[in-house]
Amino acid sequence: MIKKIIAVSLTLLFAGFILLASLLRVSSTSYSFYEEENLSYLQNLEESDSHNKEDIDIKYFFPYPGKILPDNSLYFLKASRDKIWLLLNTNPSKRAEILLLFSDKRLVSSRILFEKGKPNIAFSTLTKAEKYLEQAALQNEDNRKKGIDTTSFDLKLATASLKHWQELRDLTNYAPEEMKPEIIKNISYSRNAYVLVRDSLLSKNINPPFNPFGE
């Protein structure tokens, strides 16, 4: 019994150390959202996207999601870190960027999980990704209404939304038949996010990124 208590205590201590180390790393003043050492991974992902049936070319690079994905037993530490990171960040513009980062990483994770033949957890991760995208769009809209200049992020978010839209359409090639309609439903998050930032840009007489889907 004592050995079991010691083992559990050591496990919790180790988990706490990992979480603390992660928080110290992400709370630094340098926000490196796109890790240079993983550039080849991002380029490979973009190249595979370029083979989409409709030859849609949306220039947007997804961040590397890390080695620990939602199918890993330690993923809850990463998820907890993300929530704490967001909770501690009070800069509204940075919050919108962080939400988009979370969304992008989860979408990439979802694709990897679909390719690994784990559709259930992949779909759950995909849904979380699109909800984070929605939160990023709403945070950005709230920032704009408060008088914050959101022009630069509007352009980034509009492009990201279109890229998410494209990715979800492409993910139907990896998903089981019964799951495809649910993936298509999730496109509404990408569509709504794009429309929101598109209208924001048009109100400033700025042309938004072209929507190749015509919807």
Protein backbone atom coordinates (compact mmCIF):
# COMPACT_ATOMS: atom_id res chain seq x y z
CA MET A 1 0.00 0.00 0.00
CA ILE A 2 2.82 2.37 0.94
CA LYS A 3 4.66 1.54 -2.29
CA LYS A 4 1.52 2.32 -4.27
CA ILE A 5 1.10 5.70 -2.55
CA ILE A 6 4.76 6.53 -3.22
CA ALA A 7 4.41 5.55 -6.89
CA VAL A 8 1.29 7.70 -7.33
CA SER A 9 2.95 10.62 -5.55
CA LEU A 10 6.04 10.40 -7.76
CA THR A 11 3.86 10.25 -10.87
CA LEU A 12 1.92 13.35 -9.83
CA LEU A 13 5.13 15.16 -8.95
CA PHE A 14 6.59 14.34 -12.35
CA ALA A 15 3.41 15.47 -14.10
CA GLY A 16 3.43 18.70 -12.13
CA PHE A 17 7.05 19.32 -13.10
CA ILE A 18 6.24 18.86 -16.78
CA LEU A 19 3.29 21.23 -16.53
CA LEU A 20 5.36 23.86 -14.71
CA ALA A 21 8.15 23.60 -17.26
CA SER A 22 5.68 23.99 -20.10
CA LEU A 23 4.09 27.04 -18.49
CA LEU A 24 7.46 28.70 -17.95
CA ARG A 25 8.34 28.08 -21.58
CA VAL A 26 5.13 29.41 -23.13
CA SER A 27 4.80 32.38 -20.76
CA SER A 28 8.11 33.88 -21.89
CA THR A 29 8.04 37.16 -23.80
CA SER A 30 8.94 35.43 -27.08
CA TYR A 31 5.85 34.08 -28.83
CA SER A 32 7.30 31.60 -31.31
CA PHE A 33 4.06 30.20 -32.68
CA TYR A 34 5.70 28.57 -35.70
CA GLU A 35 8.68 26.46 -34.70
CA GLU A 36 11.54 26.81 -37.21
CA GLU A 37 12.99 23.37 -36.49
CA ASN A 38 9.77 21.84 -37.79
CA LEU A 39 9.67 23.82 -41.03
CA SER A 40 10.15 20.70 -43.14
CA TYR A 41 7.09 19.17 -41.49
CA LEU A 42 5.02 22.24 -42.32
CA GLN A 43 6.26 22.27 -45.89
CA ASN A 44 5.34 18.60 -46.33
CA LEU A 45 1.86 19.32 -45.00
CA GLU A 46 1.46 22.23 -47.40
CA GLU A 47 2.66 20.09 -50.31
CA SER A 48 0.10 17.41 -49.52
CA ASP A 49 -2.58 20.10 -49.35
CA SER A 50 -1.56 21.33 -52.79
CA HIS A 51 -2.70 18.00 -54.24
CA ASN A 52 -6.30 18.73 -53.30
CA LYS A 53 -8.68 17.65 -56.04
CA GLU A 54 -9.72 21.23 -56.83
CA ASP A 55 -6.18 22.70 -56.89
CA ILE A 56 -7.12 25.31 -54.31
CA ASP A 57 -4.02 27.20 -53.22
CA ILE A 58 -4.37 28.96 -49.87
CA LYS A 59 -1.04 30.23 -48.56
CA TYR A 60 -1.19 29.56 -44.85
CA PHE A 61 1.28 27.55 -42.76
CA PHE A 62 0.02 25.44 -39.89
CA PRO A 63 2.16 25.16 -36.75
CA TYR A 64 3.77 21.90 -35.69
CA PRO A 65 1.44 20.29 -33.11
CA GLY A 66 4.19 18.66 -31.06
CA LYS A 67 4.93 15.00 -30.42
CA ILE A 68 2.28 14.51 -27.75
CA LEU A 69 -1.09 14.25 -29.50
CA PRO A 70 -4.59 13.71 -28.05
CA ASP A 71 -4.17 9.94 -28.24
CA ASN A 72 -1.27 10.16 -25.76
CA SER A 73 -2.01 9.57 -22.06
CA LEU A 74 0.00 12.69 -21.18
CA TYR A 75 -1.99 14.95 -23.47
CA PHE A 76 -4.12 16.19 -20.58
CA LEU A 77 -1.01 18.04 -19.35
CA LYS A 78 -0.77 19.93 -22.63
CA ALA A 79 -4.49 20.71 -22.58
CA SER A 80 -4.19 21.97 -18.99
CA ARG A 81 -1.19 24.08 -19.92
CA ASP A 82 -3.13 25.66 -22.79
CA LYS A 83 -6.04 26.56 -20.53
CA ILE A 84 -3.75 28.11 -17.92
CA TRP A 85 -1.79 29.98 -20.61
CA LEU A 86 -5.00 31.48 -21.95
CA LEU A 87 -6.32 32.25 -18.48
CA LEU A 88 -3.15 34.12 -17.51
CA ASN A 89 -2.99 36.16 -20.71
CA THR A 90 -4.95 39.39 -20.37
CA ASN A 91 -3.82 41.05 -23.61
CA PRO A 92 -6.95 40.84 -25.85
CA SER A 93 -5.02 40.87 -29.13
CA LYS A 94 -2.66 38.18 -27.92
CA ARG A 95 -5.61 36.11 -26.67
CA ALA A 96 -7.02 36.05 -30.20
CA GLU A 97 -3.65 34.89 -31.54
CA ILE A 98 -3.36 32.17 -28.90
CA LEU A 99 -6.88 30.90 -29.64
CA LEU A 100 -6.01 30.66 -33.33
CA LEU A 101 -2.79 28.84 -32.46
CA PHE A 102 -4.73 26.29 -30.38
CA SER A 103 -7.17 25.86 -33.25
CA ASP A 104 -4.46 25.32 -35.86
CA LYS A 105 -2.52 22.82 -33.75
CA ARG A 106 -5.62 20.76 -33.03
CA LEU A 107 -6.61 20.67 -36.67
CA VAL A 108 -3.17 19.36 -37.64
CA SER A 109 -3.38 16.83 -34.79
CA SER A 110 -6.79 15.73 -36.08
CA ARG A 111 -5.40 15.09 -39.53
CA ILE A 112 -2.52 13.03 -38.13
CA LEU A 113 -4.94 10.98 -36.04
CA PHE A 114 -7.20 10.34 -39.03
CA GLU A 115 -4.17 9.17 -40.97
CA LYS A 116 -3.22 6.89 -38.06
CA GLY A 117 -6.63 5.24 -38.26
CA LYS A 118 -8.07 6.74 -35.08
CA PRO A 119 -11.21 8.47 -36.41
CA ASN A 120 -13.11 8.90 -33.13
CA ILE A 121 -10.44 10.85 -31.27
CA ALA A 122 -9.52 12.57 -34.53
CA PHE A 123 -13.07 13.86 -34.94
CA SER A 124 -13.24 15.00 -31.32
CA THR A 125 -9.99 16.91 -31.83
CA LEU A 126 -11.30 18.41 -35.06
CA THR A 127 -14.40 19.70 -33.28
CA LYS A 128 -12.27 21.33 -30.58
CA ALA A 129 -10.12 22.92 -33.28
CA GLU A 130 -13.09 24.56 -34.97
CA LYS A 131 -14.55 25.77 -31.68
CA TYR A 132 -11.24 27.43 -30.87
CA LEU A 133 -11.38 29.04 -34.32
CA GLU A 134 -14.82 30.39 -33.49
CA GLN A 135 -13.52 31.77 -30.18
CA ALA A 136 -10.61 33.45 -31.98
CA ALA A 137 -13.02 35.13 -34.40
CA LEU A 138 -15.33 36.29 -31.59
CA GLN A 139 -12.40 37.59 -29.51
CA ASN A 140 -11.12 39.45 -32.55
CA GLU A 141 -14.55 40.96 -33.22
CA ASP A 142 -14.82 42.05 -29.60
CA ASN A 143 -11.37 43.65 -29.89
CA ARG A 144 -12.47 45.55 -33.00
CA LYS A 145 -15.59 46.86 -31.27
CA LYS A 146 -13.41 48.11 -28.40
CA GLY A 147 -11.40 50.23 -30.84
CA ILE A 148 -8.36 47.96 -31.16
CA ASP A 149 -6.79 47.91 -34.61
CA THR A 150 -7.42 44.34 -35.78
CA THR A 151 -6.57 44.81 -39.46
CA SER A 152 -3.43 42.67 -39.49
CA PHE A 153 -5.05 39.84 -37.55
CA ASP A 154 -8.22 40.13 -39.68
CA LEU A 155 -6.18 39.26 -42.75
CA LYS A 156 -4.43 36.38 -40.97
CA LEU A 157 -7.65 35.00 -39.50
CA ALA A 158 -9.50 35.23 -42.79
CA THR A 159 -6.76 33.23 -44.51
CA ALA A 160 -6.64 30.73 -41.64
CA SER A 161 -10.41 30.26 -41.81
CA LEU A 162 -10.22 29.47 -45.50
CA LYS A 163 -7.39 27.03 -44.87
CA HIS A 164 -9.44 25.30 -42.16
CA TRP A 165 -12.34 25.16 -44.60
CA GLN A 166 -10.09 23.47 -47.15
CA GLU A 167 -8.64 21.05 -44.61
CA LEU A 168 -12.04 19.90 -43.40
CA ARG A 169 -13.13 19.20 -46.94
CA ASP A 170 -9.94 17.22 -47.47
CA LEU A 171 -10.32 15.28 -44.21
CA THR A 172 -13.44 13.61 -45.54
CA ASN A 173 -11.02 11.52 -47.64
CA TYR A 174 -9.66 9.95 -44.43
CA ALA A 175 -12.84 9.63 -42.38
CA PRO A 176 -15.35 6.74 -42.25
CA GLU A 177 -18.45 7.29 -44.39
CA GLU A 178 -20.76 7.80 -41.41
CA MET A 179 -18.47 10.54 -40.06
CA LYS A 180 -18.21 12.60 -43.24
CA PRO A 181 -21.51 14.50 -42.82
CA GLU A 182 -20.44 15.57 -39.31
CA ILE A 183 -17.12 16.84 -40.59
CA ILE A 184 -18.93 18.85 -43.26
CA LYS A 185 -21.15 20.37 -40.56
CA ASN A 186 -18.05 21.65 -38.79
CA ILE A 187 -17.19 23.72 -41.85
CA SER A 188 -19.79 26.19 -40.56
CA TYR A 189 -17.23 27.35 -37.97
CA SER A 190 -14.69 28.17 -40.68
CA ARG A 191 -17.33 29.78 -42.88
CA ASN A 192 -18.71 31.94 -40.08
CA ALA A 193 -15.23 33.02 -38.96
CA TYR A 194 -14.35 34.01 -42.51
CA VAL A 195 -17.55 35.99 -42.99
CA LEU A 196 -17.00 37.84 -39.72
CA VAL A 197 -13.48 39.01 -40.58
CA ARG A 198 -14.37 39.56 -44.23
CA ASP A 199 -17.06 42.04 -43.21
CA SER A 200 -14.62 43.70 -40.82
CA LEU A 201 -12.10 44.19 -43.62
CA LEU A 202 -14.71 45.43 -46.09
CA SER A 203 -15.87 48.01 -43.53
CA LYS A 204 -12.30 49.38 -43.66
CA ASN A 205 -12.28 49.35 -47.49
CA ILE A 206 -9.75 46.49 -47.49
CA ASN A 207 -10.19 43.56 -49.84
CA PRO A 208 -10.36 40.28 -47.90
CA PRO A 209 -8.54 37.12 -49.01
CA PHE A 210 -10.40 35.54 -51.93
CA ASN A 211 -12.85 32.80 -51.00
CA PRO A 212 -12.35 30.01 -53.55
CA PHE A 213 -15.32 28.02 -52.25
CA GLY A 214 -17.93 30.49 -53.48
CA GLU A 215 -20.24 29.92 -50.51
